[in-house]
Amino acid sequence: MKQNRKPRVTERGNSPLDKIVQTVLPYSLVNFLNRQIVKTDYVYLNIWSAVHFCSGILFFFIWSIFSSNFFLGFFIWLAIHTLWELLEFLLAFKGLYPALFHEEFVDSIWDTIVSLAGYAMIWLLF
């Protein structure tokens, strides 16, 4: 008998964010992206971090089409990504419980740092 598994982003799997992920992404992909690379009290990196890194690179190239002020682009990307992480955090909130709150907060911070690193790396190369 095959289990009916649904992808989960939060531990409980019952948040609005989980429902969005369940609609858009297959279980095997989410399971792969959730794999931990580094997990300590203050560092939380998983395969999703690579997605965030690439999003920083992509935003750099999109920004370079419209402007040559890459310093301004860095801060605009910081604002956009921070708002995204805040939205993601709020969508996941229903699925959170106190023990997971710290982990999700640290994950959001590192997602932003890694994304900005992607933007900065390409900026420095060009």
PDB file of N, CA and C in Angstrom:
ATOM      1  N   MET A   1       0.830  -1.168   0.000  1.00  0.00           N
ATOM      2  CA  MET A   1       0.000   0.000   0.000  1.00  0.00           C
ATOM      3  C   MET A   1       0.886   1.247   0.000  1.00  0.00           C
ATOM      4  N   LYS A   2       0.684   2.124  -0.960  1.00  0.00           N
ATOM      5  CA  LYS A   2       1.481   3.322  -1.096  1.00  0.00           C
ATOM      6  C   LYS A   2       0.962   4.412  -0.171  1.00  0.00           C
ATOM      7  N   GLN A   3       1.920   5.047   0.540  1.00  0.00           N
ATOM      8  CA  GLN A   3       1.540   6.132   1.423  1.00  0.00           C
ATOM      9  C   GLN A   3       1.237   7.380   0.612  1.00  0.00           C
ATOM     10  N   ASN A   4       0.247   8.122   1.037  1.00  0.00           N
ATOM     11  CA  ASN A   4      -0.069   9.396   0.416  1.00  0.00           C
ATOM     12  C   ASN A   4       0.734  10.473   1.143  1.00  0.00           C
ATOM     13  N   ARG A   5       1.941  10.727   0.648  1.00  0.00           N
ATOM     14  CA  ARG A   5       2.820  11.690   1.291  1.00  0.00           C
ATOM     15  C   ARG A   5       2.678  13.041   0.603  1.00  0.00           C
ATOM     16  N   LYS A   6       2.729  14.075   1.403  1.00  0.00           N
ATOM     17  CA  LYS A   6       2.688  15.428   0.878  1.00  0.00           C
ATOM     18  C   LYS A   6       3.953  16.144   1.292  1.00  0.00           C
ATOM     19  N   PRO A   7       4.484  16.992   0.403  1.00  0.00           N
ATOM     20  CA  PRO A   7       5.684  17.736   0.777  1.00  0.00           C
ATOM     21  C   PRO A   7       5.403  18.666   1.942  1.00  0.00           C
ATOM     22  N   ARG A   8       6.410  18.835   2.785  1.00  0.00           N
ATOM     23  CA  ARG A   8       6.264  19.689   3.962  1.00  0.00           C
ATOM     24  C   ARG A   8       7.447  20.644   4.043  1.00  0.00           C
ATOM     25  N   VAL A   9       7.159  21.875   4.353  1.00  0.00           N
ATOM     26  CA  VAL A   9       8.201  22.856   4.600  1.00  0.00           C
ATOM     27  C   VAL A   9       8.335  23.063   6.097  1.00  0.00           C
ATOM     28  N   THR A  10       7.209  23.138   6.796  1.00  0.00           N
ATOM     29  CA  THR A  10       7.251  23.245   8.247  1.00  0.00           C
ATOM     30  C   THR A  10       7.192  21.844   8.841  1.00  0.00           C
ATOM     31  N   GLU A  11       7.540  21.746  10.107  1.00  0.00           N
ATOM     32  CA  GLU A  11       7.585  20.455  10.777  1.00  0.00           C
ATOM     33  C   GLU A  11       6.226  19.757  10.779  1.00  0.00           C
ATOM     34  N   ARG A  12       5.186  20.496  11.046  1.00  0.00           N
ATOM     35  CA  ARG A  12       3.850  19.893  11.154  1.00  0.00           C
ATOM     36  C   ARG A  12       3.172  19.693   9.801  1.00  0.00           C
ATOM     37  N   GLY A  13       3.537  20.495   8.821  1.00  0.00           N
ATOM     38  CA  GLY A  13       2.983  20.312   7.482  1.00  0.00           C
ATOM     39  C   GLY A  13       1.564  20.793   7.306  1.00  0.00           C
ATOM     40  N   ASN A  14       1.081  21.687   8.182  1.00  0.00           N
ATOM     41  CA  ASN A  14      -0.313  22.113   8.084  1.00  0.00           C
ATOM     42  C   ASN A  14      -0.461  23.628   7.907  1.00  0.00           C
ATOM     43  N   SER A  15       0.602  24.305   7.526  1.00  0.00           N
ATOM     44  CA  SER A  15       0.537  25.760   7.376  1.00  0.00           C
ATOM     45  C   SER A  15       0.105  26.139   5.965  1.00  0.00           C
ATOM     46  N   PRO A  16      -0.298  27.389   5.764  1.00  0.00           N
ATOM     47  CA  PRO A  16      -0.601  27.855   4.397  1.00  0.00           C
ATOM     48  C   PRO A  16       0.599  27.686   3.462  1.00  0.00           C
ATOM     49  N   LEU A  17       1.821  27.894   3.981  1.00  0.00           N
ATOM     50  CA  LEU A  17       3.017  27.700   3.157  1.00  0.00           C
ATOM     51  C   LEU A  17       3.122  26.253   2.700  1.00  0.00           C
ATOM     52  N   ASP A  18       2.845  25.308   3.585  1.00  0.00           N
ATOM     53  CA  ASP A  18       2.862  23.892   3.207  1.00  0.00           C
ATOM     54  C   ASP A  18       1.835  23.604   2.116  1.00  0.00           C
ATOM     55  N   LYS A  19       0.668  24.181   2.239  1.00  0.00           N
ATOM     56  CA  LYS A  19      -0.387  23.954   1.238  1.00  0.00           C
ATOM     57  C   LYS A  19       0.026  24.496  -0.134  1.00  0.00           C
ATOM     58  N   ILE A  20       0.695  25.659  -0.144  1.00  0.00           N
ATOM     59  CA  ILE A  20       1.189  26.214  -1.416  1.00  0.00           C
ATOM     60  C   ILE A  20       2.232  25.283  -2.017  1.00  0.00           C
ATOM     61  N   VAL A  21       3.185  24.836  -1.194  1.00  0.00           N
ATOM     62  CA  VAL A  21       4.237  23.936  -1.675  1.00  0.00           C
ATOM     63  C   VAL A  21       3.634  22.630  -2.174  1.00  0.00           C
ATOM     64  N   GLN A  22       2.642  22.107  -1.460  1.00  0.00           N
ATOM     65  CA  GLN A  22       2.011  20.848  -1.862  1.00  0.00           C
ATOM     66  C   GLN A  22       1.318  20.972  -3.208  1.00  0.00           C
ATOM     67  N   THR A  23       0.854  22.164  -3.524  1.00  0.00           N
ATOM     68  CA  THR A  23       0.176  22.391  -4.797  1.00  0.00           C
ATOM     69  C   THR A  23       1.167  22.526  -5.948  1.00  0.00           C
ATOM     70  N   VAL A  24       2.340  23.091  -5.668  1.00  0.00           N
ATOM     71  CA  VAL A  24       3.267  23.471  -6.734  1.00  0.00           C
ATOM     72  C   VAL A  24       4.387  22.463  -6.963  1.00  0.00           C
ATOM     73  N   LEU A  25       4.942  21.886  -5.903  1.00  0.00           N
ATOM     74  CA  LEU A  25       6.144  21.069  -6.033  1.00  0.00           C
ATOM     75  C   LEU A  25       5.898  19.609  -5.659  1.00  0.00           C
ATOM     76  N   PRO A  26       6.551  18.683  -6.366  1.00  0.00           N
ATOM     77  CA  PRO A  26       6.412  17.264  -6.017  1.00  0.00           C
ATOM     78  C   PRO A  26       7.157  16.922  -4.731  1.00  0.00           C
ATOM     79  N   TYR A  27       6.684  15.890  -4.058  1.00  0.00           N
ATOM     80  CA  TYR A  27       7.240  15.467  -2.767  1.00  0.00           C
ATOM     81  C   TYR A  27       8.742  15.217  -2.865  1.00  0.00           C
ATOM     82  N   SER A  28       9.180  14.511  -3.890  1.00  0.00           N
ATOM     83  CA  SER A  28      10.595  14.149  -3.991  1.00  0.00           C
ATOM     84  C   SER A  28      11.488  15.389  -4.088  1.00  0.00           C
ATOM     85  N   LEU A  29      11.047  16.423  -4.787  1.00  0.00           N
ATOM     86  CA  LEU A  29      11.835  17.651  -4.905  1.00  0.00           C
ATOM     87  C   LEU A  29      11.909  18.376  -3.568  1.00  0.00           C
ATOM     88  N   VAL A  30      10.784  18.517  -2.886  1.00  0.00           N
ATOM     89  CA  VAL A  30      10.772  19.199  -1.587  1.00  0.00           C
ATOM     90  C   VAL A  30      11.612  18.411  -0.585  1.00  0.00           C
ATOM     91  N   ASN A  31      11.506  17.101  -0.608  1.00  0.00           N
ATOM     92  CA  ASN A  31      12.300  16.255   0.285  1.00  0.00           C
ATOM     93  C   ASN A  31      13.790  16.478   0.033  1.00  0.00           C
ATOM     94  N   PHE A  32      14.189  16.578  -1.234  1.00  0.00           N
ATOM     95  CA  PHE A  32      15.583  16.851  -1.587  1.00  0.00           C
ATOM     96  C   PHE A  32      16.008  18.240  -1.108  1.00  0.00           C
ATOM     97  N   LEU A  33      15.196  19.256  -1.371  1.00  0.00           N
ATOM     98  CA  LEU A  33      15.534  20.632  -1.005  1.00  0.00           C
ATOM     99  C   LEU A  33      15.611  20.838   0.513  1.00  0.00           C
ATOM    100  N   ASN A  34      14.899  20.039   1.272  1.00  0.00           N
ATOM    101  CA  ASN A  34      14.898  20.164   2.731  1.00  0.00           C
ATOM    102  C   ASN A  34      16.112  19.514   3.397  1.00  0.00           C
ATOM    103  N   ARG A  35      16.966  18.834   2.627  1.00  0.00           N
ATOM    104  CA  ARG A  35      18.133  18.163   3.216  1.00  0.00           C
ATOM    105  C   ARG A  35      19.075  19.181   3.848  1.00  0.00           C
ATOM    106  N   GLN A  36      19.494  18.864   5.056  1.00  0.00           N
ATOM    107  CA  GLN A  36      20.374  19.753   5.810  1.00  0.00           C
ATOM    108  C   GLN A  36      21.807  19.676   5.304  1.00  0.00           C
ATOM    109  N   ILE A  37      22.462  20.834   5.209  1.00  0.00           N
ATOM    110  CA  ILE A  37      23.895  20.907   4.926  1.00  0.00           C
ATOM    111  C   ILE A  37      24.613  21.213   6.238  1.00  0.00           C
ATOM    112  N   VAL A  38      24.176  22.278   6.914  1.00  0.00           N
ATOM    113  CA  VAL A  38      24.722  22.676   8.210  1.00  0.00           C
ATOM    114  C   VAL A  38      23.547  23.060   9.101  1.00  0.00           C
ATOM    115  N   LYS A  39      23.550  22.532  10.322  1.00  0.00           N
ATOM    116  CA  LYS A  39      22.490  22.894  11.261  1.00  0.00           C
ATOM    117  C   LYS A  39      23.088  22.985  12.656  1.00  0.00           C
ATOM    118  N   THR A  40      23.202  24.230  13.122  1.00  0.00           N
ATOM    119  CA  THR A  40      23.626  24.488  14.494  1.00  0.00           C
ATOM    120  C   THR A  40      22.617  25.464  15.084  1.00  0.00           C
ATOM    121  N   ASP A  41      22.886  25.944  16.275  1.00  0.00           N
ATOM    122  CA  ASP A  41      21.968  26.913  16.886  1.00  0.00           C
ATOM    123  C   ASP A  41      21.901  28.214  16.087  1.00  0.00           C
ATOM    124  N   TYR A  42      23.018  28.560  15.408  1.00  0.00           N
ATOM    125  CA  TYR A  42      23.064  29.858  14.734  1.00  0.00           C
ATOM    126  C   TYR A  42      23.365  29.794  13.244  1.00  0.00           C
ATOM    127  N   VAL A  43      23.517  28.602  12.714  1.00  0.00           N
ATOM    128  CA  VAL A  43      23.718  28.438  11.272  1.00  0.00           C
ATOM    129  C   VAL A  43      22.774  27.342  10.804  1.00  0.00           C
ATOM    130  N   TYR A  44      21.996  27.671   9.774  1.00  0.00           N
ATOM    131  CA  TYR A  44      21.007  26.724   9.256  1.00  0.00           C
ATOM    132  C   TYR A  44      21.043  26.813   7.736  1.00  0.00           C
ATOM    133  N   LEU A  45      21.685  25.835   7.117  1.00  0.00           N
ATOM    134  CA  LEU A  45      21.766  25.795   5.660  1.00  0.00           C
ATOM    135  C   LEU A  45      21.238  24.454   5.171  1.00  0.00           C
ATOM    136  N   ASN A  46      20.414  24.518   4.144  1.00  0.00           N
ATOM    137  CA  ASN A  46      19.933  23.305   3.490  1.00  0.00           C
ATOM    138  C   ASN A  46      20.016  23.530   1.980  1.00  0.00           C
ATOM    139  N   ILE A  47      19.513  22.600   1.203  1.00  0.00           N
ATOM    140  CA  ILE A  47      19.606  22.734  -0.254  1.00  0.00           C
ATOM    141  C   ILE A  47      18.808  23.950  -0.736  1.00  0.00           C
ATOM    142  N   TRP A  48      17.776  24.341   0.005  1.00  0.00           N
ATOM    143  CA  TRP A  48      17.045  25.568  -0.334  1.00  0.00           C
ATOM    144  C   TRP A  48      18.004  26.754  -0.386  1.00  0.00           C
ATOM    145  N   SER A  49      19.078  26.711   0.395  1.00  0.00           N
ATOM    146  CA  SER A  49      20.061  27.800   0.404  1.00  0.00           C
ATOM    147  C   SER A  49      20.663  27.994  -0.991  1.00  0.00           C
ATOM    148  N   ALA A  50      20.883  26.907  -1.713  1.00  0.00           N
ATOM    149  CA  ALA A  50      21.394  27.011  -3.088  1.00  0.00           C
ATOM    150  C   ALA A  50      20.380  27.717  -3.983  1.00  0.00           C
ATOM    151  N   VAL A  51      19.104  27.452  -3.764  1.00  0.00           N
ATOM    152  CA  VAL A  51      18.049  28.129  -4.529  1.00  0.00           C
ATOM    153  C   VAL A  51      18.091  29.633  -4.239  1.00  0.00           C
ATOM    154  N   HIS A  52      18.269  30.006  -2.980  1.00  0.00           N
ATOM    155  CA  HIS A  52      18.349  31.416  -2.607  1.00  0.00           C
ATOM    156  C   HIS A  52      19.605  32.068  -3.188  1.00  0.00           C
ATOM    157  N   PHE A  53      20.722  31.349  -3.188  1.00  0.00           N
ATOM    158  CA  PHE A  53      21.958  31.855  -3.776  1.00  0.00           C
ATOM    159  C   PHE A  53      21.748  32.163  -5.262  1.00  0.00           C
ATOM    160  N   CYS A  54      21.127  31.224  -5.960  1.00  0.00           N
ATOM    161  CA  CYS A  54      20.846  31.421  -7.392  1.00  0.00           C
ATOM    162  C   CYS A  54      19.850  32.556  -7.621  1.00  0.00           C
ATOM    163  N   SER A  55      18.929  32.760  -6.695  1.00  0.00           N
ATOM    164  CA  SER A  55      17.980  33.867  -6.848  1.00  0.00           C
ATOM    165  C   SER A  55      18.705  35.200  -6.749  1.00  0.00           C
ATOM    166  N   GLY A  56      19.732  35.292  -5.915  1.00  0.00           N
ATOM    167  CA  GLY A  56      20.543  36.503  -5.837  1.00  0.00           C
ATOM    168  C   GLY A  56      21.278  36.760  -7.142  1.00  0.00           C
ATOM    169  N   ILE A  57      21.818  35.705  -7.734  1.00  0.00           N
ATOM    170  CA  ILE A  57      22.497  35.822  -9.027  1.00  0.00           C
ATOM    171  C   ILE A  57      21.513  36.271 -10.096  1.00  0.00           C
ATOM    172  N   LEU A  58      20.354  35.649 -10.134  1.00  0.00           N
ATOM    173  CA  LEU A  58      19.330  35.993 -11.125  1.00  0.00           C
ATOM    174  C   LEU A  58      18.889  37.445 -10.976  1.00  0.00           C
ATOM    175  N   PHE A  59      18.668  37.894  -9.731  1.00  0.00           N
ATOM    176  CA  PHE A  59      18.266  39.278  -9.533  1.00  0.00           C
ATOM    177  C   PHE A  59      19.350  40.231 -10.013  1.00  0.00           C
ATOM    178  N   PHE A  60      20.624  39.898  -9.810  1.00  0.00           N
ATOM    179  CA  PHE A  60      21.709  40.753 -10.309  1.00  0.00           C
ATOM    180  C   PHE A  60      21.577  40.956 -11.811  1.00  0.00           C
ATOM    181  N   PHE A  61      21.377  39.871 -12.540  1.00  0.00           N
ATOM    182  CA  PHE A  61      21.282  39.985 -14.000  1.00  0.00           C
ATOM    183  C   PHE A  61      20.029  40.745 -14.435  1.00  0.00           C
ATOM    184  N   ILE A  62      18.931  40.521 -13.754  1.00  0.00           N
ATOM    185  CA  ILE A  62      17.709  41.279 -14.065  1.00  0.00           C
ATOM    186  C   ILE A  62      17.935  42.758 -13.764  1.00  0.00           C
ATOM    187  N   TRP A  63      18.544  43.063 -12.621  1.00  0.00           N
ATOM    188  CA  TRP A  63      18.810  44.459 -12.237  1.00  0.00           C
ATOM    189  C   TRP A  63      19.740  45.128 -13.246  1.00  0.00           C
ATOM    190  N   SER A  64      20.744  44.394 -13.732  1.00  0.00           N
ATOM    191  CA  SER A  64      21.716  44.983 -14.657  1.00  0.00           C
ATOM    192  C   SER A  64      21.089  45.381 -15.987  1.00  0.00           C
ATOM    193  N   ILE A  65      19.947  44.830 -16.320  1.00  0.00           N
ATOM    194  CA  ILE A  65      19.232  45.230 -17.543  1.00  0.00           C
ATOM    195  C   ILE A  65      18.687  46.642 -17.385  1.00  0.00           C
ATOM    196  N   PHE A  66      18.265  46.982 -16.187  1.00  0.00           N
ATOM    197  CA  PHE A  66      17.593  48.256 -15.945  1.00  0.00           C
ATOM    198  C   PHE A  66      18.490  49.344 -15.364  1.00  0.00           C
ATOM    199  N   SER A  67      19.584  48.965 -14.728  1.00  0.00           N
ATOM    200  CA  SER A  67      20.410  49.970 -14.056  1.00  0.00           C
ATOM    201  C   SER A  67      21.847  49.489 -13.942  1.00  0.00           C
ATOM    202  N   SER A  68      22.763  50.431 -13.902  1.00  0.00           N
ATOM    203  CA  SER A  68      24.170  50.088 -13.676  1.00  0.00           C
ATOM    204  C   SER A  68      24.583  50.398 -12.235  1.00  0.00           C
ATOM    205  N   ASN A  69      23.649  50.841 -11.412  1.00  0.00           N
ATOM    206  CA  ASN A  69      23.929  51.129 -10.013  1.00  0.00           C
ATOM    207  C   ASN A  69      23.728  49.841  -9.203  1.00  0.00           C
ATOM    208  N   PHE A  70      24.779  49.030  -9.145  1.00  0.00           N
ATOM    209  CA  PHE A  70      24.673  47.725  -8.502  1.00  0.00           C
ATOM    210  C   PHE A  70      24.603  47.832  -6.982  1.00  0.00           C
ATOM    211  N   PHE A  71      25.130  48.921  -6.433  1.00  0.00           N
ATOM    212  CA  PHE A  71      25.033  49.151  -4.994  1.00  0.00           C
ATOM    213  C   PHE A  71      23.569  49.343  -4.595  1.00  0.00           C
ATOM    214  N   LEU A  72      22.847  50.157  -5.353  1.00  0.00           N
ATOM    215  CA  LEU A  72      21.415  50.350  -5.115  1.00  0.00           C
ATOM    216  C   LEU A  72      20.668  49.033  -5.296  1.00  0.00           C
ATOM    217  N   GLY A  73      21.031  48.281  -6.327  1.00  0.00           N
ATOM    218  CA  GLY A  73      20.412  46.983  -6.582  1.00  0.00           C
ATOM    219  C   GLY A  73      20.583  46.025  -5.417  1.00  0.00           C
ATOM    220  N   PHE A  74      21.755  46.088  -4.776  1.00  0.00           N
ATOM    221  CA  PHE A  74      22.017  45.237  -3.615  1.00  0.00           C
ATOM    222  C   PHE A  74      21.007  45.523  -2.506  1.00  0.00           C
ATOM    223  N   PHE A  75      20.775  46.807  -2.234  1.00  0.00           N
ATOM    224  CA  PHE A  75      19.841  47.166  -1.161  1.00  0.00           C
ATOM    225  C   PHE A  75      18.381  46.926  -1.555  1.00  0.00           C
ATOM    226  N   ILE A  76      18.078  47.078  -2.813  1.00  0.00           N
ATOM    227  CA  ILE A  76      16.722  46.742  -3.268  1.00  0.00           C
ATOM    228  C   ILE A  76      16.504  45.239  -3.140  1.00  0.00           C
ATOM    229  N   TRP A  77      17.519  44.449  -3.508  1.00  0.00           N
ATOM    230  CA  TRP A  77      17.397  42.996  -3.373  1.00  0.00           C
ATOM    231  C   TRP A  77      17.290  42.600  -1.895  1.00  0.00           C
ATOM    232  N   LEU A  78      18.027  43.293  -1.032  1.00  0.00           N
ATOM    233  CA  LEU A  78      17.913  43.050   0.407  1.00  0.00           C
ATOM    234  C   LEU A  78      16.474  43.283   0.869  1.00  0.00           C
ATOM    235  N   ALA A  79      15.872  44.372   0.421  1.00  0.00           N
ATOM    236  CA  ALA A  79      14.486  44.688   0.809  1.00  0.00           C
ATOM    237  C   ALA A  79      13.513  43.647   0.257  1.00  0.00           C
ATOM    238  N   ILE A  80      13.647  43.321  -1.022  1.00  0.00           N
ATOM    239  CA  ILE A  80      12.742  42.351  -1.655  1.00  0.00           C
ATOM    240  C   ILE A  80      12.858  40.994  -0.972  1.00  0.00           C
ATOM    241  N   HIS A  81      14.093  40.529  -0.779  1.00  0.00           N
ATOM    242  CA  HIS A  81      14.281  39.200  -0.195  1.00  0.00           C
ATOM    243  C   HIS A  81      13.829  39.157   1.264  1.00  0.00           C
ATOM    244  N   THR A  82      14.083  40.231   1.998  1.00  0.00           N
ATOM    245  CA  THR A  82      13.638  40.287   3.391  1.00  0.00           C
ATOM    246  C   THR A  82      12.115  40.248   3.476  1.00  0.00           C
ATOM    247  N   LEU A  83      11.449  40.987   2.605  1.00  0.00           N
ATOM    248  CA  LEU A  83       9.985  40.946   2.568  1.00  0.00           C
ATOM    249  C   LEU A  83       9.491  39.549   2.216  1.00  0.00           C
ATOM    250  N   TRP A  84      10.158  38.899   1.259  1.00  0.00           N
ATOM    251  CA  TRP A  84       9.783  37.530   0.887  1.00  0.00           C
ATOM    252  C   TRP A  84       9.921  36.602   2.091  1.00  0.00           C
ATOM    253  N   GLU A  85      11.050  36.686   2.796  1.00  0.00           N
ATOM    254  CA  GLU A  85      11.267  35.822   3.947  1.00  0.00           C
ATOM    255  C   GLU A  85      10.241  36.098   5.046  1.00  0.00           C
ATOM    256  N   LEU A  86       9.897  37.351   5.229  1.00  0.00           N
ATOM    257  CA  LEU A  86       8.870  37.698   6.213  1.00  0.00           C
ATOM    258  C   LEU A  86       7.524  37.095   5.813  1.00  0.00           C
ATOM    259  N   LEU A  87       7.165  37.210   4.540  1.00  0.00           N
ATOM    260  CA  LEU A  87       5.923  36.614   4.050  1.00  0.00           C
ATOM    261  C   LEU A  87       5.958  35.093   4.228  1.00  0.00           C
ATOM    262  N   GLU A  88       7.075  34.481   3.857  1.00  0.00           N
ATOM    263  CA  GLU A  88       7.212  33.034   3.999  1.00  0.00           C
ATOM    264  C   GLU A  88       7.076  32.620   5.464  1.00  0.00           C
ATOM    265  N   PHE A  89       7.694  33.384   6.345  1.00  0.00           N
ATOM    266  CA  PHE A  89       7.621  33.105   7.776  1.00  0.00           C
ATOM    267  C   PHE A  89       6.183  33.205   8.278  1.00  0.00           C
ATOM    268  N   LEU A  90       5.477  34.250   7.846  1.00  0.00           N
ATOM    269  CA  LEU A  90       4.086  34.432   8.272  1.00  0.00           C
ATOM    270  C   LEU A  90       3.185  33.328   7.718  1.00  0.00           C
ATOM    271  N   LEU A  91       3.450  32.903   6.479  1.00  0.00           N
ATOM    272  CA  LEU A  91       2.667  31.803   5.901  1.00  0.00           C
ATOM    273  C   LEU A  91       2.938  30.492   6.628  1.00  0.00           C
ATOM    274  N   ALA A  92       4.139  30.346   7.158  1.00  0.00           N
ATOM    275  CA  ALA A  92       4.493  29.117   7.877  1.00  0.00           C
ATOM    276  C   ALA A  92       4.067  29.167   9.333  1.00  0.00           C
ATOM    277  N   PHE A  93       3.660  30.325   9.810  1.00  0.00           N
ATOM    278  CA  PHE A  93       3.437  30.516  11.246  1.00  0.00           C
ATOM    279  C   PHE A  93       2.428  29.535  11.829  1.00  0.00           C
ATOM    280  N   LYS A  94       1.370  29.234  11.105  1.00  0.00           N
ATOM    281  CA  LYS A  94       0.360  28.309  11.624  1.00  0.00           C
ATOM    282  C   LYS A  94       0.962  26.929  11.916  1.00  0.00           C
ATOM    283  N   GLY A  95       1.974  26.560  11.167  1.00  0.00           N
ATOM    284  CA  GLY A  95       2.595  25.255  11.358  1.00  0.00           C
ATOM    285  C   GLY A  95       3.718  25.260  12.374  1.00  0.00           C
ATOM    286  N   LEU A  96       4.003  26.411  12.956  1.00  0.00           N
ATOM    287  CA  LEU A  96       5.118  26.506  13.886  1.00  0.00           C
ATOM    288  C   LEU A  96       4.687  26.230  15.315  1.00  0.00           C
ATOM    289  N   TYR A  97       5.631  25.862  16.098  1.00  0.00           N
ATOM    290  CA  TYR A  97       5.449  25.740  17.524  1.00  0.00           C
ATOM    291  C   TYR A  97       6.725  26.269  18.166  1.00  0.00           C
ATOM    292  N   PRO A  98       6.720  26.599  19.446  1.00  0.00           N
ATOM    293  CA  PRO A  98       7.841  27.328  20.057  1.00  0.00           C
ATOM    294  C   PRO A  98       9.226  26.741  19.796  1.00  0.00           C
ATOM    295  N   ALA A  99       9.376  25.434  19.817  1.00  0.00           N
ATOM    296  CA  ALA A  99      10.697  24.840  19.606  1.00  0.00           C
ATOM    297  C   ALA A  99      11.210  25.095  18.193  1.00  0.00           C
ATOM    298  N   LEU A 100      10.314  25.226  17.231  1.00  0.00           N
ATOM    299  CA  LEU A 100      10.706  25.428  15.841  1.00  0.00           C
ATOM    300  C   LEU A 100      10.873  26.903  15.503  1.00  0.00           C
ATOM    301  N   PHE A 101      10.361  27.791  16.320  1.00  0.00           N
ATOM    302  CA  PHE A 101      10.391  29.216  16.031  1.00  0.00           C
ATOM    303  C   PHE A 101      11.819  29.704  15.796  1.00  0.00           C
ATOM    304  N   HIS A 102      12.747  29.349  16.673  1.00  0.00           N
ATOM    305  CA  HIS A 102      14.143  29.773  16.542  1.00  0.00           C
ATOM    306  C   HIS A 102      14.739  29.250  15.241  1.00  0.00           C
ATOM    307  N   GLU A 103      14.495  27.987  14.931  1.00  0.00           N
ATOM    308  CA  GLU A 103      15.033  27.376  13.716  1.00  0.00           C
ATOM    309  C   GLU A 103      14.543  28.099  12.468  1.00  0.00           C
ATOM    310  N   GLU A 104      13.270  28.404  12.417  1.00  0.00           N
ATOM    311  CA  GLU A 104      12.717  29.097  11.255  1.00  0.00           C
ATOM    312  C   GLU A 104      13.282  30.506  11.128  1.00  0.00           C
ATOM    313  N   PHE A 105      13.483  31.186  12.249  1.00  0.00           N
ATOM    314  CA  PHE A 105      14.044  32.532  12.234  1.00  0.00           C
ATOM    315  C   PHE A 105      15.478  32.500  11.726  1.00  0.00           C
ATOM    316  N   VAL A 106      16.288  31.587  12.247  1.00  0.00           N
ATOM    317  CA  VAL A 106      17.681  31.454  11.812  1.00  0.00           C
ATOM    318  C   VAL A 106      17.734  31.067  10.335  1.00  0.00           C
ATOM    319  N   ASP A 107      16.856  30.190   9.904  1.00  0.00           N
ATOM    320  CA  ASP A 107      16.785  29.794   8.493  1.00  0.00           C
ATOM    321  C   ASP A 107      16.493  31.006   7.614  1.00  0.00           C
ATOM    322  N   SER A 108      15.559  31.849   8.008  1.00  0.00           N
ATOM    323  CA  SER A 108      15.226  33.046   7.224  1.00  0.00           C
ATOM    324  C   SER A 108      16.415  33.996   7.129  1.00  0.00           C
ATOM    325  N   ILE A 109      17.126  34.169   8.224  1.00  0.00           N
ATOM    326  CA  ILE A 109      18.309  35.039   8.221  1.00  0.00           C
ATOM    327  C   ILE A 109      19.362  34.492   7.262  1.00  0.00           C
ATOM    328  N   TRP A 110      19.635  33.212   7.341  1.00  0.00           N
ATOM    329  CA  TRP A 110      20.654  32.619   6.465  1.00  0.00           C
ATOM    330  C   TRP A 110      20.207  32.590   5.006  1.00  0.00           C
ATOM    331  N   ASP A 111      18.936  32.397   4.745  1.00  0.00           N
ATOM    332  CA  ASP A 111      18.450  32.475   3.360  1.00  0.00           C
ATOM    333  C   ASP A 111      18.743  33.849   2.775  1.00  0.00           C
ATOM    334  N   THR A 112      18.543  34.889   3.569  1.00  0.00           N
ATOM    335  CA  THR A 112      18.816  36.252   3.106  1.00  0.00           C
ATOM    336  C   THR A 112      20.310  36.466   2.903  1.00  0.00           C
ATOM    337  N   ILE A 113      21.124  36.020   3.845  1.00  0.00           N
ATOM    338  CA  ILE A 113      22.576  36.169   3.720  1.00  0.00           C
ATOM    339  C   ILE A 113      23.088  35.456   2.473  1.00  0.00           C
ATOM    340  N   VAL A 114      22.639  34.237   2.257  1.00  0.00           N
ATOM    341  CA  VAL A 114      23.100  33.452   1.106  1.00  0.00           C
ATOM    342  C   VAL A 114      22.638  34.098  -0.205  1.00  0.00           C
ATOM    343  N   SER A 115      21.415  34.607  -0.224  1.00  0.00           N
ATOM    344  CA  SER A 115      20.910  35.277  -1.414  1.00  0.00           C
ATOM    345  C   SER A 115      21.733  36.525  -1.733  1.00  0.00           C
ATOM    346  N   LEU A 116      22.029  37.319  -0.710  1.00  0.00           N
ATOM    347  CA  LEU A 116      22.859  38.513  -0.908  1.00  0.00           C
ATOM    348  C   LEU A 116      24.278  38.132  -1.330  1.00  0.00           C
ATOM    349  N   ALA A 117      24.775  37.014  -0.848  1.00  0.00           N
ATOM    350  CA  ALA A 117      26.095  36.535  -1.259  1.00  0.00           C
ATOM    351  C   ALA A 117      26.109  36.191  -2.743  1.00  0.00           C
ATOM    352  N   GLY A 118      25.021  35.606  -3.245  1.00  0.00           N
ATOM    353  CA  GLY A 118      24.922  35.320  -4.678  1.00  0.00           C
ATOM    354  C   GLY A 118      24.972  36.597  -5.498  1.00  0.00           C
ATOM    355  N   TYR A 119      24.211  37.600  -5.082  1.00  0.00           N
ATOM    356  CA  TYR A 119      24.209  38.901  -5.762  1.00  0.00           C
ATOM    357  C   TYR A 119      25.617  39.516  -5.711  1.00  0.00           C
ATOM    358  N   ALA A 120      26.222  39.552  -4.521  1.00  0.00           N
ATOM    359  CA  ALA A 120      27.535  40.187  -4.343  1.00  0.00           C
ATOM    360  C   ALA A 120      28.625  39.470  -5.130  1.00  0.00           C
ATOM    361  N   MET A 121      28.567  38.159  -5.174  1.00  0.00           N
ATOM    362  CA  MET A 121      29.602  37.389  -5.887  1.00  0.00           C
ATOM    363  C   MET A 121      29.614  37.763  -7.365  1.00  0.00           C
ATOM    364  N   ILE A 122      28.448  37.798  -7.983  1.00  0.00           N
ATOM    365  CA  ILE A 122      28.379  38.144  -9.408  1.00  0.00           C
ATOM    366  C   ILE A 122      28.765  39.610  -9.612  1.00  0.00           C
ATOM    367  N   TRP A 123      28.340  40.470  -8.710  1.00  0.00           N
ATOM    368  CA  TRP A 123      28.716  41.888  -8.774  1.00  0.00           C
ATOM    369  C   TRP A 123      30.234  42.034  -8.769  1.00  0.00           C
ATOM    370  N   LEU A 124      30.907  41.312  -7.880  1.00  0.00           N
ATOM    371  CA  LEU A 124      32.367  41.400  -7.793  1.00  0.00           C
ATOM    372  C   LEU A 124      33.051  40.786  -9.019  1.00  0.00           C
ATOM    373  N   LEU A 125      32.448  39.773  -9.610  1.00  0.00           N
ATOM    374  CA  LEU A 125      33.027  39.155 -10.812  1.00  0.00           C
ATOM    375  C   LEU A 125      32.893  40.052 -12.045  1.00  0.00           C
ATOM    376  N   PHE A 126      31.849  40.863 -12.076  1.00  0.00           N
ATOM    377  CA  PHE A 126      31.631  41.737 -13.229  1.00  0.00           C
ATOM    378  C   PHE A 126      32.045  43.144 -12.903  1.00  0.00           C
TER     379      PHE A 126
END
